[in-house]
Amino acid sequence: MTTTTPRTTAKSPFKADNTASNMCGFTLMNNQVGAIIAEVLGHLDNVTITHLPSMIRVDGKGRFDLVYADVDEAAGEEEGWFDAAEFEESMSTHYGRMVHLDDRTIMFANPEDAAEYLDFDLKVIR
């Protein structure tokens, strides 16, 4: 008579967590413009910059603003050189809510905080 040992599966190191992180951010190309954007945002207290071989990751807590004039200045360019189109060209992915205004791009971790900029009504209809 043979005895069989029950098989067990190794516990997975990956876990799901549905709690809100209060984080938002984006990934930039690791090029001259991406490096300037990262340099500007790296001065903000609630933003962390991670340089990787082919990209630059920008992670922020709550809300942060990418002010286009600050990028113009850091790049040594005339005002108006950097805008939403230039930003979109350097950015590949994002998470959180992104709002483009004439003078800046705002990143929000919480959709409720971005609602006023998006004309989104948060009232519950019954």
N, C-alpha and C. Protein backbone atom coordinates (compact mmCIF):
# COMPACT_ATOMS: atom_id res chain seq x y z
N MET A 1 0.82 -1.16 0.00
CA MET A 1 0.00 0.00 0.00
C MET A 1 0.89 1.25 0.00
N THR A 2 0.56 2.23 -0.88
CA THR A 2 1.34 3.45 -0.99
C THR A 2 0.59 4.60 -0.31
N THR A 3 1.36 5.44 0.29
CA THR A 3 0.77 6.62 0.93
C THR A 3 1.09 7.85 0.08
N THR A 4 0.13 8.65 -0.09
CA THR A 4 0.34 9.86 -0.88
C THR A 4 0.42 11.07 0.04
N THR A 5 1.41 11.88 -0.24
CA THR A 5 1.56 13.12 0.53
C THR A 5 0.79 14.22 -0.21
N PRO A 6 -0.04 14.94 0.49
CA PRO A 6 -0.78 16.01 -0.19
C PRO A 6 0.18 17.09 -0.70
N ARG A 7 -0.13 17.61 -1.88
CA ARG A 7 0.71 18.68 -2.46
C ARG A 7 0.32 20.02 -1.85
N THR A 8 1.31 20.82 -1.66
CA THR A 8 1.05 22.17 -1.16
C THR A 8 1.61 23.17 -2.17
N THR A 9 0.99 24.29 -2.25
CA THR A 9 1.43 25.34 -3.15
C THR A 9 2.17 26.39 -2.33
N ALA A 10 3.27 26.86 -2.89
CA ALA A 10 4.04 27.90 -2.20
C ALA A 10 3.21 29.17 -2.09
N LYS A 11 3.35 29.86 -1.00
CA LYS A 11 2.62 31.10 -0.79
C LYS A 11 3.16 32.17 -1.74
N SER A 12 2.27 32.85 -2.42
CA SER A 12 2.67 33.87 -3.39
C SER A 12 3.18 35.13 -2.67
N PRO A 13 4.27 35.73 -3.18
CA PRO A 13 4.76 36.97 -2.58
C PRO A 13 3.94 38.19 -3.04
N PHE A 14 3.05 37.98 -4.03
CA PHE A 14 2.26 39.08 -4.57
C PHE A 14 0.92 39.16 -3.88
N LYS A 15 0.53 40.37 -3.52
CA LYS A 15 -0.73 40.56 -2.81
C LYS A 15 -1.51 41.69 -3.45
N ALA A 16 -2.80 41.60 -3.37
CA ALA A 16 -3.66 42.68 -3.85
C ALA A 16 -4.01 43.57 -2.66
N ASP A 17 -4.03 44.85 -2.92
CA ASP A 17 -4.37 45.81 -1.88
C ASP A 17 -5.27 46.87 -2.50
N ASN A 18 -6.52 46.89 -2.13
CA ASN A 18 -7.48 47.81 -2.73
C ASN A 18 -7.59 49.15 -2.01
N THR A 19 -6.76 49.38 -1.01
CA THR A 19 -6.84 50.66 -0.30
C THR A 19 -6.20 51.76 -1.16
N ALA A 20 -6.72 52.96 -1.04
CA ALA A 20 -6.20 54.08 -1.81
C ALA A 20 -4.77 54.40 -1.37
N SER A 21 -3.90 54.64 -2.34
CA SER A 21 -2.49 54.90 -2.03
C SER A 21 -2.20 56.38 -1.83
N ASN A 22 -3.09 57.27 -2.28
CA ASN A 22 -2.87 58.71 -2.27
C ASN A 22 -1.63 59.09 -3.09
N MET A 23 -1.36 58.31 -4.14
CA MET A 23 -0.21 58.56 -5.01
C MET A 23 -0.67 58.79 -6.44
N CYS A 24 0.12 59.54 -7.18
CA CYS A 24 -0.11 59.77 -8.61
C CYS A 24 1.26 60.00 -9.24
N GLY A 25 1.33 59.90 -10.53
CA GLY A 25 2.61 60.13 -11.18
C GLY A 25 2.62 59.74 -12.64
N PHE A 26 3.82 59.73 -13.21
CA PHE A 26 3.99 59.38 -14.61
C PHE A 26 5.40 58.90 -14.88
N THR A 27 5.56 58.35 -16.06
CA THR A 27 6.86 57.87 -16.52
C THR A 27 7.29 58.76 -17.68
N LEU A 28 8.54 59.20 -17.64
CA LEU A 28 9.10 60.05 -18.69
C LEU A 28 10.17 59.29 -19.46
N MET A 29 10.38 59.69 -20.69
CA MET A 29 11.53 59.17 -21.43
C MET A 29 12.79 59.70 -20.75
N ASN A 30 13.82 58.89 -20.70
CA ASN A 30 15.08 59.32 -20.12
C ASN A 30 15.90 60.01 -21.22
N ASN A 31 15.51 61.25 -21.50
CA ASN A 31 16.22 62.06 -22.48
C ASN A 31 16.41 63.45 -21.90
N GLN A 32 16.86 64.41 -22.73
CA GLN A 32 17.15 65.74 -22.22
C GLN A 32 15.93 66.42 -21.61
N VAL A 33 14.80 66.36 -22.28
CA VAL A 33 13.59 67.02 -21.77
C VAL A 33 13.07 66.30 -20.53
N GLY A 34 13.05 64.98 -20.55
CA GLY A 34 12.62 64.21 -19.38
C GLY A 34 13.47 64.53 -18.16
N ALA A 35 14.78 64.66 -18.36
CA ALA A 35 15.69 64.97 -17.25
C ALA A 35 15.40 66.36 -16.67
N ILE A 36 15.06 67.31 -17.53
CA ILE A 36 14.75 68.66 -17.05
C ILE A 36 13.44 68.65 -16.25
N ILE A 37 12.43 67.96 -16.76
CA ILE A 37 11.15 67.85 -16.04
C ILE A 37 11.39 67.23 -14.66
N ALA A 38 12.16 66.14 -14.64
CA ALA A 38 12.44 65.45 -13.37
C ALA A 38 13.21 66.36 -12.41
N GLU A 39 14.14 67.14 -12.93
CA GLU A 39 14.90 68.06 -12.09
C GLU A 39 13.97 69.09 -11.45
N VAL A 40 13.07 69.65 -12.24
CA VAL A 40 12.12 70.65 -11.72
C VAL A 40 11.22 70.04 -10.65
N LEU A 41 10.64 68.87 -10.94
CA LEU A 41 9.72 68.24 -9.99
C LEU A 41 10.44 67.67 -8.77
N GLY A 42 11.71 67.35 -8.91
CA GLY A 42 12.49 66.82 -7.80
C GLY A 42 12.65 67.78 -6.65
N HIS A 43 12.37 69.07 -6.89
CA HIS A 43 12.46 70.08 -5.83
C HIS A 43 11.22 70.12 -4.95
N LEU A 44 10.16 69.43 -5.37
CA LEU A 44 8.92 69.41 -4.58
C LEU A 44 9.04 68.38 -3.46
N ASP A 45 8.57 68.74 -2.28
CA ASP A 45 8.68 67.87 -1.10
C ASP A 45 7.90 66.56 -1.23
N ASN A 46 6.80 66.57 -1.95
CA ASN A 46 5.94 65.38 -2.02
C ASN A 46 6.17 64.54 -3.28
N VAL A 47 7.26 64.81 -4.00
CA VAL A 47 7.55 64.08 -5.24
C VAL A 47 8.87 63.32 -5.11
N THR A 48 8.84 62.07 -5.59
CA THR A 48 10.04 61.23 -5.62
C THR A 48 10.39 60.94 -7.07
N ILE A 49 11.65 61.08 -7.41
CA ILE A 49 12.14 60.82 -8.77
C ILE A 49 13.00 59.56 -8.73
N THR A 50 12.73 58.63 -9.65
CA THR A 50 13.53 57.41 -9.75
C THR A 50 14.07 57.32 -11.17
N HIS A 51 15.40 57.41 -11.29
CA HIS A 51 16.04 57.31 -12.61
C HIS A 51 16.29 55.84 -12.92
N LEU A 52 15.81 55.40 -14.07
CA LEU A 52 16.00 54.04 -14.54
C LEU A 52 16.73 54.12 -15.88
N PRO A 53 17.25 53.00 -16.39
CA PRO A 53 18.04 53.07 -17.63
C PRO A 53 17.34 53.74 -18.81
N SER A 54 16.09 53.42 -19.06
CA SER A 54 15.43 53.99 -20.24
C SER A 54 14.27 54.92 -19.91
N MET A 55 14.01 55.14 -18.62
CA MET A 55 12.90 56.01 -18.25
C MET A 55 13.16 56.65 -16.90
N ILE A 56 12.35 57.64 -16.61
CA ILE A 56 12.40 58.34 -15.33
C ILE A 56 11.00 58.25 -14.74
N ARG A 57 10.89 57.74 -13.53
CA ARG A 57 9.59 57.60 -12.88
C ARG A 57 9.40 58.77 -11.91
N VAL A 58 8.25 59.39 -11.98
CA VAL A 58 7.90 60.52 -11.12
C VAL A 58 6.68 60.10 -10.31
N ASP A 59 6.82 60.03 -8.99
CA ASP A 59 5.72 59.64 -8.10
C ASP A 59 5.47 60.75 -7.10
N GLY A 60 4.20 61.14 -6.96
CA GLY A 60 3.86 62.21 -6.04
C GLY A 60 2.75 61.81 -5.09
N LYS A 61 2.77 62.40 -3.94
CA LYS A 61 1.74 62.14 -2.93
C LYS A 61 0.70 63.25 -3.01
N GLY A 62 -0.57 62.86 -3.11
CA GLY A 62 -1.66 63.83 -3.12
C GLY A 62 -1.82 64.55 -4.44
N ARG A 63 -1.20 65.71 -4.55
CA ARG A 63 -1.28 66.54 -5.76
C ARG A 63 0.07 67.19 -6.00
N PHE A 64 0.42 67.32 -7.26
CA PHE A 64 1.58 68.15 -7.60
C PHE A 64 1.36 68.80 -8.95
N ASP A 65 2.00 69.96 -9.14
CA ASP A 65 1.85 70.75 -10.36
C ASP A 65 3.17 70.80 -11.11
N LEU A 66 3.11 70.57 -12.41
CA LEU A 66 4.25 70.78 -13.29
C LEU A 66 4.01 72.12 -13.97
N VAL A 67 4.69 73.16 -13.49
CA VAL A 67 4.52 74.52 -13.99
C VAL A 67 5.44 74.69 -15.20
N TYR A 68 4.84 74.98 -16.34
CA TYR A 68 5.60 75.04 -17.59
C TYR A 68 6.69 76.11 -17.57
N ALA A 69 6.44 77.26 -16.95
CA ALA A 69 7.46 78.32 -16.88
C ALA A 69 8.70 77.85 -16.12
N ASP A 70 8.51 76.97 -15.12
CA ASP A 70 9.66 76.44 -14.37
C ASP A 70 10.53 75.56 -15.27
N VAL A 71 9.90 74.82 -16.16
CA VAL A 71 10.65 73.97 -17.10
C VAL A 71 11.36 74.86 -18.13
N ASP A 72 10.67 75.90 -18.63
CA ASP A 72 11.31 76.85 -19.55
C ASP A 72 12.59 77.40 -18.94
N GLU A 73 12.49 77.83 -17.69
CA GLU A 73 13.63 78.43 -16.99
C GLU A 73 14.76 77.43 -16.80
N ALA A 74 14.42 76.23 -16.34
CA ALA A 74 15.45 75.20 -16.11
C ALA A 74 16.14 74.79 -17.41
N ALA A 75 15.40 74.85 -18.52
CA ALA A 75 15.98 74.47 -19.82
C ALA A 75 16.74 75.63 -20.46
N GLY A 76 16.60 76.83 -19.88
CA GLY A 76 17.26 78.00 -20.47
C GLY A 76 16.57 78.44 -21.76
N GLU A 77 15.29 78.16 -21.86
CA GLU A 77 14.52 78.50 -23.06
C GLU A 77 13.59 79.68 -22.78
N GLU A 78 13.08 80.28 -23.85
CA GLU A 78 12.13 81.38 -23.73
C GLU A 78 10.82 80.87 -23.16
N GLU A 79 10.09 81.76 -22.48
CA GLU A 79 8.79 81.39 -21.94
C GLU A 79 7.87 80.94 -23.07
N GLY A 80 7.18 79.83 -22.85
CA GLY A 80 6.28 79.29 -23.85
C GLY A 80 6.88 78.13 -24.64
N TRP A 81 8.18 77.87 -24.42
CA TRP A 81 8.82 76.75 -25.12
C TRP A 81 8.20 75.43 -24.67
N PHE A 82 8.00 75.27 -23.37
CA PHE A 82 7.44 74.03 -22.84
C PHE A 82 5.94 74.21 -22.63
N ASP A 83 5.17 73.23 -23.10
CA ASP A 83 3.72 73.28 -22.95
C ASP A 83 3.19 71.86 -22.82
N ALA A 84 1.87 71.71 -22.82
CA ALA A 84 1.24 70.40 -22.64
C ALA A 84 1.65 69.43 -23.76
N ALA A 85 1.75 69.93 -24.98
CA ALA A 85 2.14 69.06 -26.09
C ALA A 85 3.56 68.53 -25.92
N GLU A 86 4.47 69.41 -25.49
CA GLU A 86 5.86 68.99 -25.24
C GLU A 86 5.91 67.98 -24.10
N PHE A 87 5.11 68.21 -23.07
CA PHE A 87 5.05 67.27 -21.95
C PHE A 87 4.54 65.91 -22.40
N GLU A 88 3.44 65.90 -23.16
CA GLU A 88 2.86 64.64 -23.64
C GLU A 88 3.86 63.86 -24.50
N GLU A 89 4.70 64.57 -25.21
CA GLU A 89 5.71 63.92 -26.05
C GLU A 89 6.76 63.20 -25.21
N SER A 90 7.05 63.71 -24.03
CA SER A 90 8.07 63.11 -23.16
C SER A 90 7.51 62.07 -22.20
N MET A 91 6.19 62.11 -21.96
CA MET A 91 5.56 61.21 -21.00
C MET A 91 5.00 60.00 -21.71
N SER A 92 5.21 58.81 -21.12
CA SER A 92 4.68 57.60 -21.77
C SER A 92 3.46 57.03 -21.05
N THR A 93 3.43 57.07 -19.73
CA THR A 93 2.30 56.54 -18.98
C THR A 93 2.05 57.43 -17.77
N HIS A 94 0.84 57.33 -17.22
CA HIS A 94 0.57 58.05 -15.97
C HIS A 94 -0.46 57.28 -15.16
N TYR A 95 -0.53 57.60 -13.88
CA TYR A 95 -1.59 57.08 -13.02
C TYR A 95 -2.08 58.22 -12.14
N GLY A 96 -3.35 58.17 -11.77
CA GLY A 96 -3.99 59.28 -11.10
C GLY A 96 -4.74 60.09 -12.14
N ARG A 97 -5.23 61.25 -11.73
CA ARG A 97 -5.96 62.13 -12.65
C ARG A 97 -5.02 63.23 -13.12
N MET A 98 -4.99 63.45 -14.43
CA MET A 98 -4.13 64.47 -15.02
C MET A 98 -5.01 65.56 -15.63
N VAL A 99 -4.71 66.81 -15.28
CA VAL A 99 -5.45 67.94 -15.81
C VAL A 99 -4.45 68.90 -16.44
N HIS A 100 -4.65 69.21 -17.73
CA HIS A 100 -3.80 70.18 -18.43
C HIS A 100 -4.49 71.54 -18.39
N LEU A 101 -3.77 72.54 -17.92
CA LEU A 101 -4.21 73.93 -17.99
C LEU A 101 -3.26 74.66 -18.92
N ASP A 102 -3.51 75.93 -19.19
CA ASP A 102 -2.65 76.67 -20.10
C ASP A 102 -1.21 76.79 -19.60
N ASP A 103 -1.04 76.91 -18.27
CA ASP A 103 0.29 77.17 -17.73
C ASP A 103 0.89 76.01 -16.94
N ARG A 104 0.16 74.88 -16.84
CA ARG A 104 0.66 73.78 -16.02
C ARG A 104 -0.12 72.50 -16.29
N THR A 105 0.46 71.38 -15.84
CA THR A 105 -0.25 70.11 -15.76
C THR A 105 -0.33 69.76 -14.29
N ILE A 106 -1.53 69.41 -13.83
CA ILE A 106 -1.74 69.06 -12.43
C ILE A 106 -2.02 67.58 -12.34
N MET A 107 -1.35 66.91 -11.41
CA MET A 107 -1.59 65.49 -11.13
C MET A 107 -2.30 65.37 -9.79
N PHE A 108 -3.37 64.58 -9.78
CA PHE A 108 -4.16 64.34 -8.57
C PHE A 108 -4.19 62.86 -8.25
N ALA A 109 -3.99 62.51 -7.01
CA ALA A 109 -4.11 61.12 -6.59
C ALA A 109 -5.57 60.72 -6.45
N ASN A 110 -6.40 61.66 -6.01
CA ASN A 110 -7.80 61.36 -5.74
C ASN A 110 -8.70 62.04 -6.77
N PRO A 111 -9.58 61.27 -7.41
CA PRO A 111 -10.47 61.85 -8.43
C PRO A 111 -11.34 62.99 -7.88
N GLU A 112 -11.71 62.90 -6.61
CA GLU A 112 -12.54 63.94 -6.01
C GLU A 112 -11.84 65.30 -6.03
N ASP A 113 -10.53 65.30 -5.86
CA ASP A 113 -9.77 66.55 -5.85
C ASP A 113 -9.70 67.17 -7.24
N ALA A 114 -9.77 66.37 -8.28
CA ALA A 114 -9.71 66.85 -9.66
C ALA A 114 -11.08 67.23 -10.21
N ALA A 115 -12.14 66.89 -9.50
CA ALA A 115 -13.51 67.05 -10.01
C ALA A 115 -13.82 68.48 -10.46
N GLU A 116 -13.39 69.48 -9.69
CA GLU A 116 -13.72 70.86 -10.05
C GLU A 116 -13.06 71.28 -11.36
N TYR A 117 -11.90 70.72 -11.68
CA TYR A 117 -11.21 71.04 -12.92
C TYR A 117 -11.81 70.31 -14.12
N LEU A 118 -12.48 69.20 -13.85
CA LEU A 118 -13.01 68.36 -14.92
C LEU A 118 -14.51 68.55 -15.15
N ASP A 119 -15.12 69.52 -14.45
CA ASP A 119 -16.57 69.71 -14.51
C ASP A 119 -17.31 68.42 -14.22
N PHE A 120 -16.82 67.72 -13.22
CA PHE A 120 -17.41 66.44 -12.83
C PHE A 120 -18.20 66.66 -11.55
N ASP A 121 -19.48 66.33 -11.60
CA ASP A 121 -20.35 66.52 -10.45
C ASP A 121 -20.31 65.29 -9.57
N LEU A 122 -19.89 65.45 -8.33
CA LEU A 122 -19.77 64.32 -7.42
C LEU A 122 -21.04 64.05 -6.60
N LYS A 123 -22.11 64.78 -6.89
CA LYS A 123 -23.34 64.58 -6.14
C LYS A 123 -24.01 63.27 -6.55
N VAL A 124 -24.51 62.57 -5.57
CA VAL A 124 -25.20 61.32 -5.81
C VAL A 124 -26.64 61.62 -6.24
N ILE A 125 -27.04 61.04 -7.34
CA ILE A 125 -28.41 61.22 -7.84
C ILE A 125 -29.24 60.05 -7.34
N ARG A 126 -30.35 60.35 -6.70
CA ARG A 126 -31.20 59.28 -6.16
C ARG A 126 -32.51 59.26 -6.87
